[in-house]
PDB file of N, CA and C in Angstrom:
ATOM      1  N   MET A   1      76.989 107.858 109.190  1.00  0.00           N
ATOM      2  CA  MET A   1      78.197 108.642 110.083  1.00  0.00           C
ATOM      3  C   MET A   1      78.957 109.148 109.029  1.00  0.00           C
ATOM      4  N   THR A   2      79.255 110.470 109.434  1.00  0.00           N
ATOM      5  CA  THR A   2      79.868 111.536 108.369  1.00  0.00           C
ATOM      6  C   THR A   2      80.909 111.026 107.977  1.00  0.00           C
ATOM      7  N   GLU A   3      81.691 111.455 106.710  1.00  0.00           N
ATOM      8  CA  GLU A   3      82.939 111.136 106.291  1.00  0.00           C
ATOM      9  C   GLU A   3      84.193 111.227 107.220  1.00  0.00           C
ATOM     10  N   ASP A   4      84.052 112.679 107.859  1.00  0.00           N
ATOM     11  CA  ASP A   4      84.790 113.089 108.775  1.00  0.00           C
ATOM     12  C   ASP A   4      84.793 112.384 110.384  1.00  0.00           C
ATOM     13  N   LEU A   5      83.934 111.971 110.702  1.00  0.00           N
ATOM     14  CA  LEU A   5      84.163 110.768 111.981  1.00  0.00           C
ATOM     15  C   LEU A   5      84.859 109.454 111.364  1.00  0.00           C
ATOM     16  N   ARG A   6      84.484 109.483 110.514  1.00  0.00           N
ATOM     17  CA  ARG A   6      85.158 108.074 110.020  1.00  0.00           C
ATOM     18  C   ARG A   6      86.736 107.736 109.683  1.00  0.00           C
ATOM     19  N   THR A   7      87.175 109.203 109.708  1.00  0.00           N
ATOM     20  CA  THR A   7      88.343 109.090 109.101  1.00  0.00           C
ATOM     21  C   THR A   7      89.431 109.964 110.312  1.00  0.00           C
ATOM     22  N   ARG A   8      88.456 110.385 111.191  1.00  0.00           N
ATOM     23  CA  ARG A   8      89.007 110.762 112.086  1.00  0.00           C
ATOM     24  C   ARG A   8      89.936 109.825 112.957  1.00  0.00           C
ATOM     25  N   PRO A   9      91.269 110.339 113.402  1.00  0.00           N
ATOM     26  CA  PRO A   9      92.019 109.230 113.940  1.00  0.00           C
ATOM     27  C   PRO A   9      91.783 109.293 115.462  1.00  0.00           C
ATOM     28  N   VAL A  10      91.306 108.501 116.077  1.00  0.00           N
ATOM     29  CA  VAL A  10      90.979 108.401 117.660  1.00  0.00           C
ATOM     30  C   VAL A  10      91.250 107.360 118.358  1.00  0.00           C
ATOM     31  N   PHE A  11      91.545 105.719 117.964  1.00  0.00           N
ATOM     32  CA  PHE A  11      92.190 104.808 118.794  1.00  0.00           C
ATOM     33  C   PHE A  11      93.470 104.932 118.586  1.00  0.00           C
ATOM     34  N   THR A  12      94.102 104.549 119.868  1.00  0.00           N
ATOM     35  CA  THR A  12      95.402 104.158 119.995  1.00  0.00           C
ATOM     36  C   THR A  12      95.981 102.921 119.406  1.00  0.00           C
ATOM     37  N   LEU A  13      97.172 102.513 119.674  1.00  0.00           N
ATOM     38  CA  LEU A  13      97.271 101.242 118.888  1.00  0.00           C
ATOM     39  C   LEU A  13      97.027 100.184 119.859  1.00  0.00           C
ATOM     40  N   SER A  14      96.775 100.219 120.896  1.00  0.00           N
ATOM     41  CA  SER A  14      96.278  98.598 122.220  1.00  0.00           C
ATOM     42  C   SER A  14      95.180  99.342 121.898  1.00  0.00           C
ATOM     43  N   VAL A  15      93.950  99.908 122.002  1.00  0.00           N
ATOM     44  CA  VAL A  15      92.852  99.794 121.752  1.00  0.00           C
ATOM     45  C   VAL A  15      92.477  99.419 120.271  1.00  0.00           C
ATOM     46  N   ALA A  16      93.128  99.871 119.484  1.00  0.00           N
ATOM     47  CA  ALA A  16      92.730  99.044 118.016  1.00  0.00           C
ATOM     48  C   ALA A  16      93.235  97.709 118.003  1.00  0.00           C
ATOM     49  N   ALA A  17      94.070  97.415 118.214  1.00  0.00           N
ATOM     50  CA  ALA A  17      94.136  96.039 118.641  1.00  0.00           C
ATOM     51  C   ALA A  17      93.322  95.029 119.462  1.00  0.00           C
ATOM     52  N   GLU A  18      92.982  95.698 120.536  1.00  0.00           N
ATOM     53  CA  GLU A  18      92.205  95.081 121.218  1.00  0.00           C
ATOM     54  C   GLU A  18      90.341  95.071 120.801  1.00  0.00           C
ATOM     55  N   LEU A  19      90.284  95.805 119.846  1.00  0.00           N
ATOM     56  CA  LEU A  19      88.872  95.765 118.913  1.00  0.00           C
ATOM     57  C   LEU A  19      89.206  94.948 118.068  1.00  0.00           C
ATOM     58  N   LEU A  20      90.279  95.000 117.298  1.00  0.00           N
ATOM     59  CA  LEU A  20      90.714  93.815 116.292  1.00  0.00           C
ATOM     60  C   LEU A  20      90.805  92.210 116.699  1.00  0.00           C
ATOM     61  N   LYS A  21      91.088  92.434 118.022  1.00  0.00           N
ATOM     62  CA  LYS A  21      91.212  90.912 118.468  1.00  0.00           C
ATOM     63  C   LYS A  21      92.569  90.612 117.902  1.00  0.00           C
ATOM     64  N   VAL A  22      93.779  91.542 117.920  1.00  0.00           N
ATOM     65  CA  VAL A  22      94.979  90.885 117.135  1.00  0.00           C
ATOM     66  C   VAL A  22      95.849  91.549 118.433  1.00  0.00           C
ATOM     67  N   HIS A  23      97.059  91.299 118.584  1.00  0.00           N
ATOM     68  CA  HIS A  23      98.571  91.601 119.441  1.00  0.00           C
ATOM     69  C   HIS A  23      98.924  93.152 118.356  1.00  0.00           C
ATOM     70  N   PRO A  24      98.972  94.409 119.522  1.00  0.00           N
ATOM     71  CA  PRO A  24      99.472  95.521 118.754  1.00  0.00           C
ATOM     72  C   PRO A  24     100.989  95.161 117.933  1.00  0.00           C
ATOM     73  N   ARG A  25     101.570  94.139 118.238  1.00  0.00           N
ATOM     74  CA  ARG A  25     102.625  94.252 117.297  1.00  0.00           C
ATOM     75  C   ARG A  25     102.256  93.639 115.455  1.00  0.00           C
ATOM     76  N   THR A  26     100.788  92.868 115.712  1.00  0.00           N
ATOM     77  CA  THR A  26     100.490  92.452 114.538  1.00  0.00           C
ATOM     78  C   THR A  26     100.317  93.907 113.567  1.00  0.00           C
ATOM     79  N   LEU A  27      99.800  94.895 114.126  1.00  0.00           N
ATOM     80  CA  LEU A  27      99.488  96.258 113.617  1.00  0.00           C
ATOM     81  C   LEU A  27     100.793  96.940 112.993  1.00  0.00           C
ATOM     82  N   MET A  28     101.689  96.937 114.271  1.00  0.00           N
ATOM     83  CA  MET A  28     102.915  97.402 113.740  1.00  0.00           C
ATOM     84  C   MET A  28     103.596  96.886 112.533  1.00  0.00           C
ATOM     85  N   PHE A  29     103.625  95.677 112.214  1.00  0.00           N
ATOM     86  CA  PHE A  29     104.093  94.680 111.305  1.00  0.00           C
ATOM     87  C   PHE A  29     103.430  95.123 109.944  1.00  0.00           C
ATOM     88  N   TYR A  30     101.881  95.295 110.005  1.00  0.00           N
ATOM     89  CA  TYR A  30     101.036  95.954 109.078  1.00  0.00           C
ATOM     90  C   TYR A  30     101.665  97.190 108.498  1.00  0.00           C
ATOM     91  N   GLU A  31     102.089  98.351 109.466  1.00  0.00           N
ATOM     92  CA  GLU A  31     102.451  99.310 109.310  1.00  0.00           C
ATOM     93  C   GLU A  31     103.776  99.094 108.051  1.00  0.00           C
ATOM     94  N   LYS A  32     104.528  98.263 109.015  1.00  0.00           N
ATOM     95  CA  LYS A  32     106.015  97.998 108.259  1.00  0.00           C
ATOM     96  C   LYS A  32     106.035  97.371 106.762  1.00  0.00           C
ATOM     97  N   GLU A  33     104.914  96.700 106.530  1.00  0.00           N
ATOM     98  CA  GLU A  33     104.355  96.312 105.410  1.00  0.00           C
ATOM     99  C   GLU A  33     103.935  97.241 104.476  1.00  0.00           C
ATOM    100  N   HIS A  34     103.794  98.349 104.777  1.00  0.00           N
ATOM    101  CA  HIS A  34     102.849  99.559 104.183  1.00  0.00           C
ATOM    102  C   HIS A  34     101.724  99.101 103.656  1.00  0.00           C
ATOM    103  N   LEU A  35     101.049  98.069 104.478  1.00  0.00           N
ATOM    104  CA  LEU A  35      99.576  97.918 104.406  1.00  0.00           C
ATOM    105  C   LEU A  35      98.735  98.997 104.868  1.00  0.00           C
ATOM    106  N   ILE A  36      98.947  99.856 106.079  1.00  0.00           N
ATOM    107  CA  ILE A  36      98.517 100.553 106.395  1.00  0.00           C
ATOM    108  C   ILE A  36      99.425 101.680 107.058  1.00  0.00           C
ATOM    109  N   GLU A  37      98.815 102.910 107.117  1.00  0.00           N
ATOM    110  CA  GLU A  37      99.456 104.170 107.818  1.00  0.00           C
ATOM    111  C   GLU A  37      98.468 104.789 108.483  1.00  0.00           C
ATOM    112  N   PRO A  38      98.754 104.533 109.778  1.00  0.00           N
ATOM    113  CA  PRO A  38      98.174 105.359 110.730  1.00  0.00           C
ATOM    114  C   PRO A  38      98.374 106.667 111.347  1.00  0.00           C
ATOM    115  N   ALA A  39      97.796 107.554 111.532  1.00  0.00           N
ATOM    116  CA  ALA A  39      97.936 108.784 112.047  1.00  0.00           C
ATOM    117  C   ALA A  39      99.094 108.788 112.705  1.00  0.00           C
ATOM    118  N   ARG A  40      99.638 110.016 113.101  1.00  0.00           N
ATOM    119  CA  ARG A  40     100.957 110.018 114.148  1.00  0.00           C
ATOM    120  C   ARG A  40     100.490 111.160 114.985  1.00  0.00           C
ATOM    121  N   THR A  41     100.672 111.181 116.550  1.00  0.00           N
ATOM    122  CA  THR A  41     100.452 112.279 117.558  1.00  0.00           C
ATOM    123  C   THR A  41     101.866 113.138 117.407  1.00  0.00           C
ATOM    124  N   LYS A  42     101.849 114.395 117.827  1.00  0.00           N
ATOM    125  CA  LYS A  42     103.265 115.141 117.929  1.00  0.00           C
ATOM    126  C   LYS A  42     104.088 114.521 118.554  1.00  0.00           C
ATOM    127  N   THR A  43     103.973 113.580 119.862  1.00  0.00           N
ATOM    128  CA  THR A  43     105.088 112.446 120.161  1.00  0.00           C
ATOM    129  C   THR A  43     105.124 111.014 119.605  1.00  0.00           C
ATOM    130  N   GLY A  44     104.256 111.153 118.374  1.00  0.00           N
ATOM    131  CA  GLY A  44     104.554 109.841 117.599  1.00  0.00           C
ATOM    132  C   GLY A  44     103.773 108.398 117.971  1.00  0.00           C
ATOM    133  N   ARG A  45     103.303 108.615 118.615  1.00  0.00           N
ATOM    134  CA  ARG A  45     101.982 107.768 118.912  1.00  0.00           C
ATOM    135  C   ARG A  45     101.015 107.260 117.743  1.00  0.00           C
ATOM    136  N   ARG A  46     100.919 106.089 117.463  1.00  0.00           N
ATOM    137  CA  ARG A  46     100.052 105.804 116.346  1.00  0.00           C
ATOM    138  C   ARG A  46      98.448 105.757 116.820  1.00  0.00           C
ATOM    139  N   LEU A  47      97.555 106.725 115.722  1.00  0.00           N
ATOM    140  CA  LEU A  47      96.468 107.142 116.144  1.00  0.00           C
ATOM    141  C   LEU A  47      95.597 106.651 114.605  1.00  0.00           C
ATOM    142  N   PHE A  48      94.448 105.544 114.877  1.00  0.00           N
ATOM    143  CA  PHE A  48      94.030 104.657 113.935  1.00  0.00           C
ATOM    144  C   PHE A  48      92.349 105.264 113.902  1.00  0.00           C
ATOM    145  N   SER A  49      91.839 105.584 112.749  1.00  0.00           N
ATOM    146  CA  SER A  49      90.386 105.814 112.510  1.00  0.00           C
ATOM    147  C   SER A  49      89.493 104.549 112.641  1.00  0.00           C
ATOM    148  N   ARG A  50      88.096 105.074 112.362  1.00  0.00           N
ATOM    149  CA  ARG A  50      87.594 103.821 111.937  1.00  0.00           C
ATOM    150  C   ARG A  50      87.254 103.159 110.478  1.00  0.00           C
ATOM    151  N   ALA A  51      87.762 104.454 110.030  1.00  0.00           N
ATOM    152  CA  ALA A  51      88.232 103.674 108.283  1.00  0.00           C
ATOM    153  C   ALA A  51      89.279 102.688 108.269  1.00  0.00           C
ATOM    154  N   ASP A  52      90.535 103.054 109.101  1.00  0.00           N
ATOM    155  CA  ASP A  52      91.663 102.300 109.500  1.00  0.00           C
ATOM    156  C   ASP A  52      91.063 100.809 109.706  1.00  0.00           C
ATOM    157  N   LEU A  53      90.373 101.129 110.914  1.00  0.00           N
ATOM    158  CA  LEU A  53      89.803  99.672 111.593  1.00  0.00           C
ATOM    159  C   LEU A  53      89.089  99.143 110.238  1.00  0.00           C
ATOM    160  N   SER A  54      88.708  99.317 109.672  1.00  0.00           N
ATOM    161  CA  SER A  54      87.635  98.993 108.603  1.00  0.00           C
ATOM    162  C   SER A  54      88.561  98.115 107.540  1.00  0.00           C
ATOM    163  N   LEU A  55      89.440  98.832 107.205  1.00  0.00           N
ATOM    164  CA  LEU A  55      90.730  98.399 106.121  1.00  0.00           C
ATOM    165  C   LEU A  55      91.563  97.222 107.066  1.00  0.00           C
ATOM    166  N   LEU A  56      91.764  97.179 108.221  1.00  0.00           N
ATOM    167  CA  LEU A  56      92.308  96.521 108.829  1.00  0.00           C
ATOM    168  C   LEU A  56      91.689  95.000 109.028  1.00  0.00           C
ATOM    169  N   GLN A  57      90.189  95.152 109.057  1.00  0.00           N
ATOM    170  CA  GLN A  57      89.631  94.182 109.163  1.00  0.00           C
ATOM    171  C   GLN A  57      89.649  93.266 107.692  1.00  0.00           C
ATOM    172  N   PHE A  58      89.734  94.355 106.381  1.00  0.00           N
ATOM    173  CA  PHE A  58      89.501  93.182 105.232  1.00  0.00           C
ATOM    174  C   PHE A  58      90.893  92.797 104.883  1.00  0.00           C
ATOM    175  N   ILE A  59      92.046  93.413 105.688  1.00  0.00           N
ATOM    176  CA  ILE A  59      93.704  92.980 105.646  1.00  0.00           C
ATOM    177  C   ILE A  59      93.187  91.367 105.996  1.00  0.00           C
ATOM    178  N   ARG A  60      92.978  91.278 107.456  1.00  0.00           N
ATOM    179  CA  ARG A  60      92.659  90.431 108.300  1.00  0.00           C
ATOM    180  C   ARG A  60      91.799  89.020 107.362  1.00  0.00           C
ATOM    181  N   TYR A  61      91.076  89.464 106.734  1.00  0.00           N
ATOM    182  CA  TYR A  61      90.142  88.311 105.817  1.00  0.00           C
ATOM    183  C   TYR A  61      91.055  88.213 104.786  1.00  0.00           C
ATOM    184  N   LEU A  62      91.690  89.075 104.185  1.00  0.00           N
ATOM    185  CA  LEU A  62      92.752  88.721 102.909  1.00  0.00           C
ATOM    186  C   LEU A  62      93.563  87.855 103.206  1.00  0.00           C
ATOM    187  N   ILE A  63      94.224  88.046 104.402  1.00  0.00           N
ATOM    188  CA  ILE A  63      95.523  87.097 104.741  1.00  0.00           C
ATOM    189  C   ILE A  63      94.733  85.548 105.627  1.00  0.00           C
ATOM    190  N   GLU A  64      93.904  85.576 106.553  1.00  0.00           N
ATOM    191  CA  GLU A  64      93.230  84.854 106.673  1.00  0.00           C
ATOM    192  C   GLU A  64      92.352  83.719 106.204  1.00  0.00           C
ATOM    193  N   LYS A  65      91.695  84.224 105.609  1.00  0.00           N
ATOM    194  CA  LYS A  65      90.565  83.315 104.238  1.00  0.00           C
ATOM    195  C   LYS A  65      90.929  83.207 103.493  1.00  0.00           C
ATOM    196  N   LYS A  66      91.547  84.380 102.724  1.00  0.00           N
ATOM    197  CA  LYS A  66      91.906  84.097 101.527  1.00  0.00           C
ATOM    198  C   LYS A  66      93.205  83.366 101.038  1.00  0.00           C
ATOM    199  N   ARG A  67      94.427  83.722 102.479  1.00  0.00           N
ATOM    200  CA  ARG A  67      95.506  83.136 102.194  1.00  0.00           C
ATOM    201  C   ARG A  67      96.481  83.754 101.688  1.00  0.00           C
ATOM    202  N   LEU A  68      96.388  85.365 101.585  1.00  0.00           N
ATOM    203  CA  LEU A  68      97.087  86.181 100.722  1.00  0.00           C
ATOM    204  C   LEU A  68      98.798  86.402 101.632  1.00  0.00           C
ATOM    205  N   ASN A  69      99.822  86.491 101.123  1.00  0.00           N
ATOM    206  CA  ASN A  69     100.792  86.678 101.871  1.00  0.00           C
ATOM    207  C   ASN A  69     100.591  88.793 101.877  1.00  0.00           C
ATOM    208  N   THR A  70     101.504  89.148 102.400  1.00  0.00           N
ATOM    209  CA  THR A  70     101.462  90.736 102.621  1.00  0.00           C
ATOM    210  C   THR A  70     102.103  91.472 101.187  1.00  0.00           C
ATOM    211  N   ALA A  71     102.627  90.554 100.288  1.00  0.00           N
ATOM    212  CA  ALA A  71     102.574  91.463  99.292  1.00  0.00           C
ATOM    213  C   ALA A  71     101.821  91.374  98.207  1.00  0.00           C
ATOM    214  N   GLY A  72     100.800  90.056  98.372  1.00  0.00           N
ATOM    215  CA  GLY A  72     100.066  90.030  97.555  1.00  0.00           C
ATOM    216  C   GLY A  72      98.580  91.012  97.790  1.00  0.00           C
ATOM    217  N   VAL A  73      98.848  91.174  99.191  1.00  0.00           N
ATOM    218  CA  VAL A  73      97.742  92.038 100.223  1.00  0.00           C
ATOM    219  C   VAL A  73      97.850  93.465  99.460  1.00  0.00           C
ATOM    220  N   ARG A  74      99.325  94.164  99.695  1.00  0.00           N
ATOM    221  CA  ARG A  74      99.256  95.472  99.007  1.00  0.00           C
ATOM    222  C   ARG A  74      99.041  95.530  97.869  1.00  0.00           C
ATOM    223  N   MET A  75      99.109  94.839  96.813  1.00  0.00           N
ATOM    224  CA  MET A  75      99.314  94.532  95.419  1.00  0.00           C
ATOM    225  C   MET A  75      97.615  94.975  95.049  1.00  0.00           C
ATOM    226  N   LEU A  76      96.841  93.857  96.022  1.00  0.00           N
ATOM    227  CA  LEU A  76      95.350  93.932  95.813  1.00  0.00           C
ATOM    228  C   LEU A  76      94.798  95.240  96.227  1.00  0.00           C
ATOM    229  N   LEU A  77      95.338  95.607  97.415  1.00  0.00           N
ATOM    230  CA  LEU A  77      94.431  97.059  98.103  1.00  0.00           C
ATOM    231  C   LEU A  77      94.973  98.249  97.067  1.00  0.00           C
ATOM    232  N   GLU A  78      96.109  98.322  96.400  1.00  0.00           N
ATOM    233  CA  GLU A  78      96.487  99.315  95.130  1.00  0.00           C
ATOM    234  C   GLU A  78      95.815  98.998  94.374  1.00  0.00           C
ATOM    235  N   LEU A  79      95.223  97.635  94.198  1.00  0.00           N
ATOM    236  CA  LEU A  79      94.209  97.550  92.678  1.00  0.00           C
ATOM    237  C   LEU A  79      93.120  98.488  92.691  1.00  0.00           C
ATOM    238  N   LEU A  80      92.619  97.927  94.236  1.00  0.00           N
ATOM    239  CA  LEU A  80      91.297  97.963  94.436  1.00  0.00           C
ATOM    240  C   LEU A  80      90.920  99.763  94.500  1.00  0.00           C
ATOM    241  N   THR A  81      92.189 100.181  95.137  1.00  0.00           N
ATOM    242  CA  THR A  81      92.355 101.740  95.157  1.00  0.00           C
ATOM    243  C   THR A  81      91.951 102.634  93.786  1.00  0.00           C
ATOM    244  N   LYS A  82      92.700 101.904  92.922  1.00  0.00           N
ATOM    245  CA  LYS A  82      92.712 102.860  91.423  1.00  0.00           C
ATOM    246  C   LYS A  82      91.703 102.656  90.548  1.00  0.00           C
ATOM    247  N   LEU A  83      91.052 101.051  91.208  1.00  0.00           N
ATOM    248  CA  LEU A  83      89.837 100.949  90.439  1.00  0.00           C
ATOM    249  C   LEU A  83      88.493 101.306  91.031  1.00  0.00           C
ATOM    250  N   LYS A  84      88.771 101.648  92.324  1.00  0.00           N
ATOM    251  CA  LYS A  84      87.468 102.485  92.985  1.00  0.00           C
ATOM    252  C   LYS A  84      86.455 103.407  92.400  1.00  0.00           C
ATOM    253  N   SER A  85      87.238 104.416  91.685  1.00  0.00           N
ATOM    254  CA  SER A  85      86.325 105.230  90.763  1.00  0.00           C
ATOM    255  C   SER A  85      85.843 104.805  90.077  1.00  0.00           C
ATOM    256  N   SER A  86      86.021 103.745  89.059  1.00  0.00           N
ATOM    257  CA  SER A  86      85.679 103.367  87.843  1.00  0.00           C
ATOM    258  C   SER A  86      84.232 102.196  88.156  1.00  0.00           C
ATOM    259  N   ASN A  87      84.605 101.663  89.429  1.00  0.00           N
ATOM    260  CA  ASN A  87      83.483 100.572  89.951  1.00  0.00           C
ATOM    261  C   ASN A  87      83.896 100.505  91.354  1.00  0.00           C
ATOM    262  N   PRO A  88      82.770 101.180  92.244  1.00  0.00           N
ATOM    263  CA  PRO A  88      82.688 101.170  93.506  1.00  0.00           C
ATOM    264  C   PRO A  88      82.208 100.039  94.332  1.00  0.00           C
ATOM    265  N   ASN A  89      81.641  99.462  93.613  1.00  0.00           N
ATOM    266  CA  ASN A  89      81.229  97.896  94.250  1.00  0.00           C
ATOM    267  C   ASN A  89      82.214  96.762  93.801  1.00  0.00           C
ATOM    268  N   LEU A  90      83.404  96.938  93.301  1.00  0.00           N
ATOM    269  CA  LEU A  90      84.068  96.110  92.944  1.00  0.00           C
ATOM    270  C   LEU A  90      84.862  95.039  93.955  1.00  0.00           C
ATOM    271  N   LYS A  91      85.107  95.533  95.592  1.00  0.00           N
ATOM    272  CA  LYS A  91      85.295  94.921  96.566  1.00  0.00           C
ATOM    273  C   LYS A  91      84.468  93.983  96.882  1.00  0.00           C
ATOM    274  N   LYS A  92      82.942  94.461  96.869  1.00  0.00           N
ATOM    275  CA  LYS A  92      82.008  93.658  97.336  1.00  0.00           C
ATOM    276  C   LYS A  92      81.797  92.615  96.609  1.00  0.00           C
ATOM    277  N   GLU A  93      82.006  92.499  94.769  1.00  0.00           N
ATOM    278  CA  GLU A  93      81.463  91.832  93.948  1.00  0.00           C
ATOM    279  C   GLU A  93      82.764  90.563  94.102  1.00  0.00           C
ATOM    280  N   TYR A  94      83.681  90.843  94.115  1.00  0.00           N
ATOM    281  CA  TYR A  94      85.054  89.818  94.133  1.00  0.00           C
ATOM    282  C   TYR A  94      85.042  89.040  95.235  1.00  0.00           C
ATOM    283  N   PHE A  95      84.737  89.885  96.576  1.00  0.00           N
ATOM    284  CA  PHE A  95      84.845  89.855  97.820  1.00  0.00           C
ATOM    285  C   PHE A  95      83.438  89.560  98.722  1.00  0.00           C
ATOM    286  N   ALA A  96      82.627  88.873  98.106  1.00  0.00           N
ATOM    287  CA  ALA A  96      81.263  88.949  98.659  1.00  0.00           C
ATOM    288  C   ALA A  96      81.113  88.320 100.199  1.00  0.00           C
ATOM    289  N   ASP A  97      82.123  87.335 100.178  1.00  0.00           N
ATOM    290  CA  ASP A  97      81.582  86.490 101.936  1.00  0.00           C
ATOM    291  C   ASP A  97      82.643  87.416 102.725  1.00  0.00           C
ATOM    292  N   PHE A  98      83.214  88.548 102.593  1.00  0.00           N
ATOM    293  CA  PHE A  98      83.823  89.500 103.363  1.00  0.00           C
ATOM    294  C   PHE A  98      82.427  90.075 104.096  1.00  0.00           C
ATOM    295  N   GLU A  99      82.928  89.988 105.867  1.00  0.00           N
ATOM    296  CA  GLU A  99      81.849  90.484 106.401  1.00  0.00           C
ATOM    297  C   GLU A  99      82.442  91.384 107.274  1.00  0.00           C
ATOM    298  N   GLU A 100      82.092  92.714 107.205  1.00  0.00           N
ATOM    299  CA  GLU A 100      82.837  93.949 108.285  1.00  0.00           C
ATOM    300  C   GLU A 100      82.130  93.647 109.441  1.00  0.00           C
ATOM    301  N   LYS A 101      83.058  93.663 110.481  1.00  0.00           N
ATOM    302  CA  LYS A 101      81.981  93.800 112.219  1.00  0.00           C
ATOM    303  C   LYS A 101      82.096  95.116 112.315  1.00  0.00           C
ATOM    304  N   GLN A 102      80.887  95.386 113.146  1.00  0.00           N
ATOM    305  CA  GLN A 102      80.792  96.350 113.917  1.00  0.00           C
ATOM    306  C   GLN A 102      82.030  96.431 115.105  1.00  0.00           C
ATOM    307  N   LEU A 103      82.912  96.904 115.124  1.00  0.00           N
ATOM    308  CA  LEU A 103      83.498  96.916 116.473  1.00  0.00           C
ATOM    309  C   LEU A 103      83.276  97.797 117.568  1.00  0.00           C
ATOM    310  N   ILE A 104      82.721  98.937 117.429  1.00  0.00           N
ATOM    311  CA  ILE A 104      82.363 100.024 118.492  1.00  0.00           C
ATOM    312  C   ILE A 104      80.513 100.426 118.100  1.00  0.00           C
TER     313      ILE A 104
END
């Protein structure tokens, strides 16, 4: 899959929530906590990309399996982003039990 297709925002809030099996308000909460920043249409509707869905799966994993709070998740995501260029496999090394599901 090309990077363009992976990053193209096409899923509405309700569709993304259904794919992730969470309530739409959960995704709105993650946005409020600055864990994710979905694209917006001209009318303000949230749109999520496949990359966003992958990130949201990882966020759910950190919260549910690793028991991090949203502040911990935010700090960890920032660190992983900064360190990604020096070690692209860092996430896999430290979170080997994370399994990204094929949602669509």
